[in-house]
């Protein structure tokens, strides 16, 4: 059974942020961490909803809006790219947890990366072309390492 708790917080940084927890998944970060990550990646006023979902909702949204028949880690919905920005970011908790485990990453670090990734999409960054991907990944790495997490694109070597 999933909960549907919602938190609505605002700060003086011109960010209105609502967090919706629509999952019972273990290890989902708290509201303060999501706010910290969003603020680190944001460069203009914004109104953002972050919704953390389970597989079923992740699959339904990815099918409805992208024509894909599986859940994905993060979806970004941009409603306005003017100031203030308006958009939603959907994070699929089981996918993120599985990826973190598979990639040998700390779960919070992976959530931070995907939150930053979604916020950058909200601001118009993309990774369709190699050039755009290099720009976006460089910015993600800078933000994530400034938050004291490892480079999300570093190759992990295990022996």
N, C-alpha and C. Protein backbone atom coordinates (compact mmCIF):
# COMPACT_ATOMS: atom_id res chain seq x y z
N UNK A 1 0.85 -1.17 0.00
CA UNK A 1 0.00 0.00 0.00
C UNK A 1 0.90 1.24 0.00
N UNK A 2 0.65 2.13 -0.90
CA UNK A 2 1.49 3.33 -0.96
C UNK A 2 0.82 4.48 -0.23
N UNK A 3 1.68 5.31 0.32
CA UNK A 3 1.16 6.50 0.97
C UNK A 3 1.17 7.62 -0.05
N UNK A 4 0.43 8.64 0.19
CA UNK A 4 0.42 9.78 -0.71
C UNK A 4 0.56 11.05 0.12
N UNK A 5 1.67 11.08 0.88
CA UNK A 5 1.96 12.25 1.70
C UNK A 5 2.49 13.34 0.81
N UNK A 6 2.19 14.56 1.14
CA UNK A 6 2.69 15.69 0.36
C UNK A 6 3.22 16.74 1.31
N UNK A 7 4.32 17.35 0.91
CA UNK A 7 4.88 18.44 1.67
C UNK A 7 4.98 19.64 0.74
N UNK A 8 4.60 20.80 1.22
CA UNK A 8 4.73 22.01 0.42
C UNK A 8 5.60 22.97 1.21
N UNK A 9 6.76 23.26 0.66
CA UNK A 9 7.69 24.15 1.34
C UNK A 9 8.09 25.26 0.40
N UNK A 10 8.40 26.41 0.95
CA UNK A 10 8.92 27.49 0.13
C UNK A 10 10.02 28.20 0.89
N UNK A 11 10.90 28.84 0.18
CA UNK A 11 12.00 29.55 0.81
C UNK A 11 12.18 30.90 0.15
N UNK A 12 13.16 31.63 0.63
CA UNK A 12 13.42 32.95 0.09
C UNK A 12 14.22 32.89 -1.21
N UNK A 13 14.54 31.70 -1.69
CA UNK A 13 15.30 31.58 -2.93
C UNK A 13 14.38 31.53 -4.15
N UNK A 14 13.16 31.96 -4.00
CA UNK A 14 12.18 31.99 -5.08
C UNK A 14 11.89 30.61 -5.63
N UNK A 15 11.78 29.65 -4.72
CA UNK A 15 11.46 28.28 -5.09
C UNK A 15 10.24 27.84 -4.30
N UNK A 16 9.23 27.42 -5.02
CA UNK A 16 8.09 26.78 -4.39
C UNK A 16 8.20 25.31 -4.77
N UNK A 17 8.39 24.47 -3.76
CA UNK A 17 8.65 23.06 -3.98
C UNK A 17 7.66 22.22 -3.21
N UNK A 18 6.99 21.32 -3.91
CA UNK A 18 6.09 20.35 -3.28
C UNK A 18 6.67 18.96 -3.54
N UNK A 19 6.73 18.17 -2.49
CA UNK A 19 7.23 16.80 -2.60
C UNK A 19 6.05 15.88 -2.32
N UNK A 20 5.80 14.94 -3.22
CA UNK A 20 4.72 13.96 -3.05
C UNK A 20 5.35 12.58 -2.95
N UNK A 21 5.08 11.91 -1.83
CA UNK A 21 5.59 10.56 -1.60
C UNK A 21 4.47 9.58 -1.89
N UNK A 22 4.49 8.97 -3.07
CA UNK A 22 3.46 8.02 -3.48
C UNK A 22 4.06 6.62 -3.55
N UNK A 23 4.88 6.29 -2.56
CA UNK A 23 5.56 5.01 -2.50
C UNK A 23 5.84 4.65 -1.06
N UNK A 24 5.97 3.36 -0.82
CA UNK A 24 6.40 2.88 0.49
C UNK A 24 7.85 2.39 0.42
N UNK A 25 8.54 2.69 -0.65
CA UNK A 25 9.91 2.22 -0.83
C UNK A 25 10.81 2.72 0.29
N UNK A 26 11.73 1.89 0.66
CA UNK A 26 12.69 2.20 1.72
C UNK A 26 13.82 3.04 1.14
N UNK A 27 14.32 3.97 1.94
CA UNK A 27 15.50 4.74 1.55
C UNK A 27 15.21 6.00 0.76
N UNK A 28 13.95 6.36 0.58
CA UNK A 28 13.61 7.59 -0.14
C UNK A 28 14.07 8.78 0.71
N UNK A 29 14.82 9.70 0.12
CA UNK A 29 15.31 10.85 0.89
C UNK A 29 14.19 11.72 1.43
N UNK A 30 14.53 12.55 2.41
CA UNK A 30 13.55 13.43 3.01
C UNK A 30 13.43 14.74 2.24
N UNK A 31 12.44 15.53 2.63
CA UNK A 31 12.13 16.78 1.95
C UNK A 31 13.31 17.75 1.94
N UNK A 32 14.05 17.81 3.04
CA UNK A 32 15.17 18.74 3.13
C UNK A 32 16.26 18.41 2.12
N UNK A 33 16.52 17.13 1.91
CA UNK A 33 17.52 16.76 0.91
C UNK A 33 17.06 17.12 -0.50
N UNK A 34 15.81 16.81 -0.81
CA UNK A 34 15.31 17.18 -2.14
C UNK A 34 15.44 18.69 -2.36
N UNK A 35 15.07 19.48 -1.36
CA UNK A 35 15.18 20.95 -1.48
C UNK A 35 16.64 21.35 -1.72
N UNK A 36 17.55 20.78 -0.98
CA UNK A 36 18.97 21.11 -1.12
C UNK A 36 19.44 20.82 -2.55
N UNK A 37 19.06 19.68 -3.09
CA UNK A 37 19.49 19.29 -4.43
C UNK A 37 18.87 20.20 -5.50
N UNK A 38 17.59 20.50 -5.35
CA UNK A 38 16.92 21.37 -6.31
C UNK A 38 17.57 22.75 -6.30
N UNK A 39 17.78 23.31 -5.12
CA UNK A 39 18.38 24.64 -5.02
C UNK A 39 19.79 24.67 -5.61
N UNK A 40 20.53 23.58 -5.48
CA UNK A 40 21.89 23.53 -6.03
C UNK A 40 21.89 23.57 -7.56
N UNK A 41 20.83 23.07 -8.18
CA UNK A 41 20.79 22.99 -9.64
C UNK A 41 20.01 24.11 -10.30
N UNK A 42 19.25 24.85 -9.52
CA UNK A 42 18.32 25.84 -10.07
C UNK A 42 19.00 27.19 -10.25
N UNK A 43 18.75 27.83 -11.39
CA UNK A 43 19.35 29.15 -11.62
C UNK A 43 18.31 30.24 -11.88
N UNK A 44 17.03 29.94 -11.63
CA UNK A 44 15.98 30.95 -11.76
C UNK A 44 14.80 30.56 -10.90
N UNK A 45 13.91 31.49 -10.62
CA UNK A 45 12.73 31.17 -9.80
C UNK A 45 11.94 30.01 -10.42
N UNK A 46 11.33 29.20 -9.54
CA UNK A 46 10.62 28.02 -10.04
C UNK A 46 9.55 27.56 -9.09
N UNK A 47 8.56 26.89 -9.67
CA UNK A 47 7.55 26.14 -8.93
C UNK A 47 7.63 24.72 -9.44
N UNK A 48 8.01 23.82 -8.55
CA UNK A 48 8.30 22.44 -8.93
C UNK A 48 7.57 21.48 -8.00
N UNK A 49 7.04 20.42 -8.59
CA UNK A 49 6.52 19.29 -7.83
C UNK A 49 7.42 18.11 -8.13
N UNK A 50 7.91 17.47 -7.07
CA UNK A 50 8.65 16.22 -7.22
C UNK A 50 7.75 15.13 -6.65
N UNK A 51 7.49 14.12 -7.47
CA UNK A 51 6.64 13.00 -7.06
C UNK A 51 7.47 11.72 -7.12
N UNK A 52 7.56 11.03 -6.00
CA UNK A 52 8.29 9.78 -5.92
C UNK A 52 7.26 8.66 -5.99
N UNK A 53 7.40 7.80 -7.01
CA UNK A 53 6.37 6.80 -7.32
C UNK A 53 6.93 5.39 -7.28
N UNK A 54 6.01 4.41 -7.32
CA UNK A 54 6.36 3.00 -7.46
C UNK A 54 6.33 2.61 -8.94
N UNK A 55 6.65 1.37 -9.21
CA UNK A 55 6.75 0.87 -10.59
C UNK A 55 5.46 1.09 -11.38
N UNK A 56 4.33 0.74 -10.80
CA UNK A 56 3.07 0.81 -11.54
C UNK A 56 2.81 2.22 -12.07
N UNK A 57 2.95 3.23 -11.22
CA UNK A 57 2.71 4.61 -11.68
C UNK A 57 3.80 5.05 -12.64
N UNK A 58 5.05 4.64 -12.38
CA UNK A 58 6.14 4.98 -13.29
C UNK A 58 5.92 4.41 -14.68
N UNK A 59 5.47 3.16 -14.75
CA UNK A 59 5.17 2.54 -16.05
C UNK A 59 4.03 3.28 -16.75
N UNK A 60 2.97 3.58 -16.02
CA UNK A 60 1.81 4.24 -16.62
C UNK A 60 2.20 5.61 -17.19
N UNK A 61 2.96 6.37 -16.44
CA UNK A 61 3.36 7.71 -16.91
C UNK A 61 4.31 7.61 -18.11
N UNK A 62 5.26 6.70 -18.05
CA UNK A 62 6.21 6.56 -19.15
C UNK A 62 5.50 6.07 -20.42
N UNK A 63 4.49 5.22 -20.25
CA UNK A 63 3.71 4.76 -21.41
C UNK A 63 2.86 5.90 -21.97
N UNK A 64 2.18 6.60 -21.09
CA UNK A 64 1.27 7.66 -21.55
C UNK A 64 2.02 8.81 -22.23
N UNK A 65 3.16 9.21 -21.69
CA UNK A 65 3.82 10.41 -22.19
C UNK A 65 5.01 10.16 -23.09
N UNK A 66 5.56 8.94 -23.07
CA UNK A 66 6.72 8.67 -23.92
C UNK A 66 6.54 7.42 -24.78
N UNK A 67 5.41 6.73 -24.63
CA UNK A 67 5.16 5.54 -25.44
C UNK A 67 6.04 4.37 -25.08
N UNK A 68 6.63 4.38 -23.90
CA UNK A 68 7.52 3.29 -23.45
C UNK A 68 6.74 2.39 -22.50
N UNK A 69 7.00 1.08 -22.59
CA UNK A 69 6.24 0.12 -21.79
C UNK A 69 6.95 -0.31 -20.52
N UNK A 70 7.83 0.51 -20.00
CA UNK A 70 8.52 0.21 -18.75
C UNK A 70 8.73 1.51 -17.99
N UNK A 71 8.88 1.38 -16.69
CA UNK A 71 9.18 2.55 -15.87
C UNK A 71 10.61 3.00 -16.16
N UNK A 72 10.87 4.27 -15.91
CA UNK A 72 12.22 4.82 -16.04
C UNK A 72 12.57 5.52 -14.73
N UNK A 73 13.81 5.88 -14.56
CA UNK A 73 14.24 6.46 -13.29
C UNK A 73 13.67 7.85 -13.05
N UNK A 74 13.67 8.72 -14.08
CA UNK A 74 13.20 10.10 -13.89
C UNK A 74 12.48 10.58 -15.14
N UNK A 75 11.37 11.25 -14.92
CA UNK A 75 10.64 11.92 -15.99
C UNK A 75 10.51 13.39 -15.59
N UNK A 76 10.68 14.27 -16.56
CA UNK A 76 10.52 15.70 -16.30
C UNK A 76 9.43 16.24 -17.22
N UNK A 77 8.51 16.98 -16.62
CA UNK A 77 7.42 17.60 -17.36
C UNK A 77 7.56 19.11 -17.21
N UNK A 78 7.82 19.79 -18.32
CA UNK A 78 8.01 21.24 -18.31
C UNK A 78 6.71 21.89 -18.78
N UNK A 79 6.14 22.75 -17.94
CA UNK A 79 4.92 23.46 -18.30
C UNK A 79 5.20 24.89 -18.73
N UNK A 80 6.27 25.47 -18.20
CA UNK A 80 6.70 26.81 -18.61
C UNK A 80 8.18 26.94 -18.33
N UNK A 81 8.92 27.38 -19.34
CA UNK A 81 10.36 27.58 -19.12
C UNK A 81 10.70 29.06 -18.95
N UNK A 82 9.66 29.88 -18.77
CA UNK A 82 9.87 31.27 -18.41
C UNK A 82 10.11 31.35 -16.91
N UNK A 83 10.49 32.54 -16.42
CA UNK A 83 10.63 32.71 -14.99
C UNK A 83 9.30 33.19 -14.43
N UNK A 84 8.75 32.53 -13.44
CA UNK A 84 9.29 31.32 -12.84
C UNK A 84 9.03 30.09 -13.72
N UNK A 85 9.94 29.13 -13.60
CA UNK A 85 9.76 27.85 -14.26
C UNK A 85 8.60 27.11 -13.59
N UNK A 86 7.87 26.32 -14.35
CA UNK A 86 6.84 25.46 -13.80
C UNK A 86 7.07 24.07 -14.34
N UNK A 87 7.10 23.08 -13.45
CA UNK A 87 7.26 21.72 -13.93
C UNK A 87 7.16 20.68 -12.84
N UNK A 88 7.05 19.45 -13.28
CA UNK A 88 7.00 18.28 -12.39
C UNK A 88 8.17 17.37 -12.71
N UNK A 89 8.67 16.74 -11.68
CA UNK A 89 9.70 15.71 -11.83
C UNK A 89 9.17 14.46 -11.13
N UNK A 90 9.18 13.35 -11.85
CA UNK A 90 8.72 12.08 -11.30
C UNK A 90 9.94 11.17 -11.16
N UNK A 91 10.14 10.68 -9.96
CA UNK A 91 11.24 9.76 -9.67
C UNK A 91 10.65 8.41 -9.29
N UNK A 92 11.08 7.34 -9.95
CA UNK A 92 10.55 6.00 -9.68
C UNK A 92 11.49 5.30 -8.69
N UNK A 93 11.03 5.21 -7.45
CA UNK A 93 11.86 4.71 -6.35
C UNK A 93 12.45 3.32 -6.59
N UNK A 94 11.68 2.32 -7.01
CA UNK A 94 12.28 0.99 -7.21
C UNK A 94 13.34 0.97 -8.32
N UNK A 95 13.13 1.74 -9.37
CA UNK A 95 14.12 1.81 -10.45
C UNK A 95 15.41 2.45 -9.93
N UNK A 96 15.27 3.54 -9.20
CA UNK A 96 16.44 4.26 -8.67
C UNK A 96 17.20 3.38 -7.69
N UNK A 97 16.48 2.68 -6.83
CA UNK A 97 17.12 1.79 -5.87
C UNK A 97 17.87 0.66 -6.58
N UNK A 98 17.24 0.07 -7.58
CA UNK A 98 17.89 -1.00 -8.34
C UNK A 98 19.13 -0.52 -9.08
N UNK A 99 19.04 0.64 -9.68
CA UNK A 99 20.20 1.21 -10.39
C UNK A 99 21.35 1.49 -9.43
N UNK A 100 21.04 2.08 -8.28
CA UNK A 100 22.08 2.40 -7.31
C UNK A 100 22.80 1.13 -6.87
N UNK A 101 22.04 0.10 -6.60
CA UNK A 101 22.64 -1.18 -6.18
C UNK A 101 23.49 -1.76 -7.31
N UNK A 102 22.94 -1.78 -8.51
CA UNK A 102 23.64 -2.35 -9.66
C UNK A 102 24.92 -1.58 -9.98
N UNK A 103 24.89 -0.26 -9.81
CA UNK A 103 26.03 0.59 -10.14
C UNK A 103 26.97 0.81 -8.95
N UNK A 104 26.64 0.24 -7.80
CA UNK A 104 27.49 0.37 -6.62
C UNK A 104 27.53 1.80 -6.08
N UNK A 105 26.39 2.50 -6.20
CA UNK A 105 26.32 3.90 -5.74
C UNK A 105 25.51 3.99 -4.46
N UNK A 106 25.84 4.97 -3.63
CA UNK A 106 25.02 5.28 -2.46
C UNK A 106 23.65 5.74 -2.97
N UNK A 107 22.59 5.25 -2.34
CA UNK A 107 21.24 5.56 -2.80
C UNK A 107 20.97 7.06 -2.80
N UNK A 108 21.36 7.76 -1.74
CA UNK A 108 21.12 9.21 -1.68
C UNK A 108 21.86 9.93 -2.81
N UNK A 109 23.06 9.49 -3.14
CA UNK A 109 23.83 10.11 -4.22
C UNK A 109 23.12 9.94 -5.56
N UNK A 110 22.52 8.77 -5.75
CA UNK A 110 21.81 8.52 -7.01
C UNK A 110 20.54 9.37 -7.08
N UNK A 111 19.81 9.47 -5.98
CA UNK A 111 18.65 10.36 -5.93
C UNK A 111 19.07 11.80 -6.20
N UNK A 112 20.17 12.22 -5.60
CA UNK A 112 20.65 13.60 -5.81
C UNK A 112 20.93 13.83 -7.28
N UNK A 113 21.63 12.88 -7.91
CA UNK A 113 21.97 13.02 -9.32
C UNK A 113 20.72 13.11 -10.19
N UNK A 114 19.77 12.23 -9.96
CA UNK A 114 18.58 12.22 -10.81
C UNK A 114 17.68 13.43 -10.56
N UNK A 115 17.68 13.95 -9.34
CA UNK A 115 16.95 15.18 -9.05
C UNK A 115 17.59 16.35 -9.78
N UNK A 116 18.90 16.45 -9.70
CA UNK A 116 19.63 17.50 -10.43
C UNK A 116 19.39 17.35 -11.93
N UNK A 117 19.45 16.13 -12.43
CA UNK A 117 19.22 15.84 -13.84
C UNK A 117 17.84 16.38 -14.27
N UNK A 118 16.82 16.07 -13.46
CA UNK A 118 15.47 16.55 -13.77
C UNK A 118 15.37 18.06 -13.74
N UNK A 119 16.00 18.69 -12.78
CA UNK A 119 15.96 20.16 -12.68
C UNK A 119 16.67 20.79 -13.88
N UNK A 120 17.75 20.19 -14.34
CA UNK A 120 18.43 20.72 -15.52
C UNK A 120 17.54 20.59 -16.76
N UNK A 121 16.84 19.46 -16.89
CA UNK A 121 15.88 19.33 -18.00
C UNK A 121 14.82 20.43 -17.92
N UNK A 122 14.34 20.69 -16.71
CA UNK A 122 13.34 21.74 -16.51
C UNK A 122 13.84 23.09 -17.00
N UNK A 123 15.15 23.30 -16.93
CA UNK A 123 15.75 24.57 -17.34
C UNK A 123 16.20 24.56 -18.80
N UNK A 124 15.85 23.49 -19.53
CA UNK A 124 16.12 23.47 -20.96
C UNK A 124 17.33 22.67 -21.39
N UNK A 125 18.06 22.09 -20.47
CA UNK A 125 19.20 21.25 -20.86
C UNK A 125 18.69 19.92 -21.37
N UNK A 126 19.47 19.32 -22.29
CA UNK A 126 19.09 18.03 -22.85
C UNK A 126 20.34 17.23 -23.14
N UNK A 127 20.15 15.97 -23.51
CA UNK A 127 21.29 15.09 -23.80
C UNK A 127 21.04 14.26 -25.05
N UNK A 128 20.31 14.86 -26.00
CA UNK A 128 20.02 14.14 -27.24
C UNK A 128 21.26 14.06 -28.12
N UNK A 129 21.93 15.18 -28.33
CA UNK A 129 23.16 15.15 -29.13
C UNK A 129 24.36 14.93 -28.20
N UNK A 130 25.46 14.48 -28.76
CA UNK A 130 26.68 14.27 -27.97
C UNK A 130 27.16 15.56 -27.34
N UNK A 131 27.07 16.65 -28.09
CA UNK A 131 27.52 17.94 -27.58
C UNK A 131 26.66 18.39 -26.40
N UNK A 132 25.35 18.28 -26.56
CA UNK A 132 24.44 18.65 -25.47
C UNK A 132 24.63 17.74 -24.26
N UNK A 133 24.83 16.44 -24.51
CA UNK A 133 25.05 15.50 -23.41
C UNK A 133 26.32 15.86 -22.64
N UNK A 134 27.37 16.23 -23.36
CA UNK A 134 28.63 16.59 -22.69
C UNK A 134 28.44 17.82 -21.81
N UNK A 135 27.69 18.79 -22.30
CA UNK A 135 27.42 20.01 -21.51
C UNK A 135 26.61 19.66 -20.27
N UNK A 136 25.54 18.90 -20.47
CA UNK A 136 24.66 18.57 -19.34
C UNK A 136 25.38 17.71 -18.31
N UNK A 137 26.12 16.70 -18.77
CA UNK A 137 26.84 15.82 -17.85
C UNK A 137 27.92 16.57 -17.08
N UNK A 138 28.58 17.50 -17.73
CA UNK A 138 29.60 18.32 -17.06
C UNK A 138 28.97 19.15 -15.95
N UNK A 139 27.82 19.74 -16.24
CA UNK A 139 27.13 20.55 -15.26
C UNK A 139 26.62 19.68 -14.11
N UNK A 140 26.06 18.52 -14.43
CA UNK A 140 25.60 17.59 -13.39
C UNK A 140 26.76 17.21 -12.47
N UNK A 141 27.89 16.87 -13.07
CA UNK A 141 29.06 16.47 -12.28
C UNK A 141 29.50 17.60 -11.36
N UNK A 142 29.54 18.82 -11.87
CA UNK A 142 29.94 19.97 -11.05
C UNK A 142 28.99 20.15 -9.87
N UNK A 143 27.70 20.10 -10.12
CA UNK A 143 26.71 20.29 -9.07
C UNK A 143 26.80 19.17 -8.03
N UNK A 144 26.85 17.94 -8.50
CA UNK A 144 26.87 16.78 -7.60
C UNK A 144 28.14 16.75 -6.75
N UNK A 145 29.27 17.03 -7.36
CA UNK A 145 30.51 17.02 -6.57
C UNK A 145 30.55 18.21 -5.60
N UNK A 146 29.93 19.34 -5.97
CA UNK A 146 29.82 20.46 -5.02
C UNK A 146 28.93 20.10 -3.83
N UNK A 147 28.04 19.15 -4.01
CA UNK A 147 27.20 18.65 -2.92
C UNK A 147 27.89 17.55 -2.12
N UNK A 148 29.16 17.30 -2.45
CA UNK A 148 29.99 16.29 -1.77
C UNK A 148 29.59 14.85 -2.05
N UNK A 149 29.04 14.62 -3.24
CA UNK A 149 28.79 13.27 -3.70
C UNK A 149 29.81 12.97 -4.80
N UNK A 150 30.08 11.68 -5.06
CA UNK A 150 31.02 11.34 -6.13
C UNK A 150 30.47 11.70 -7.52
N UNK A 151 31.37 11.86 -8.46
CA UNK A 151 31.01 12.10 -9.86
C UNK A 151 30.06 10.98 -10.31
N UNK A 152 28.84 11.33 -10.71
CA UNK A 152 27.88 10.28 -11.09
C UNK A 152 28.25 9.54 -12.37
N UNK A 153 29.18 10.09 -13.14
CA UNK A 153 29.57 9.46 -14.39
C UNK A 153 30.91 8.75 -14.30
N UNK A 154 31.51 8.74 -13.11
CA UNK A 154 32.79 8.04 -12.93
C UNK A 154 32.55 6.54 -13.06
N UNK A 155 33.46 5.89 -13.72
CA UNK A 155 33.40 4.43 -13.86
C UNK A 155 33.88 3.82 -12.56
N UNK A 156 33.02 2.99 -11.97
CA UNK A 156 33.41 2.32 -10.73
C UNK A 156 34.16 1.06 -11.06
N UNK A 157 35.33 0.91 -10.44
CA UNK A 157 36.16 -0.26 -10.67
C UNK A 157 36.03 -1.18 -9.45
N UNK A 158 35.60 -2.40 -9.68
CA UNK A 158 35.50 -3.36 -8.58
C UNK A 158 36.41 -4.52 -8.88
N UNK A 159 37.01 -5.05 -7.83
CA UNK A 159 37.91 -6.20 -8.00
C UNK A 159 37.42 -7.35 -7.20
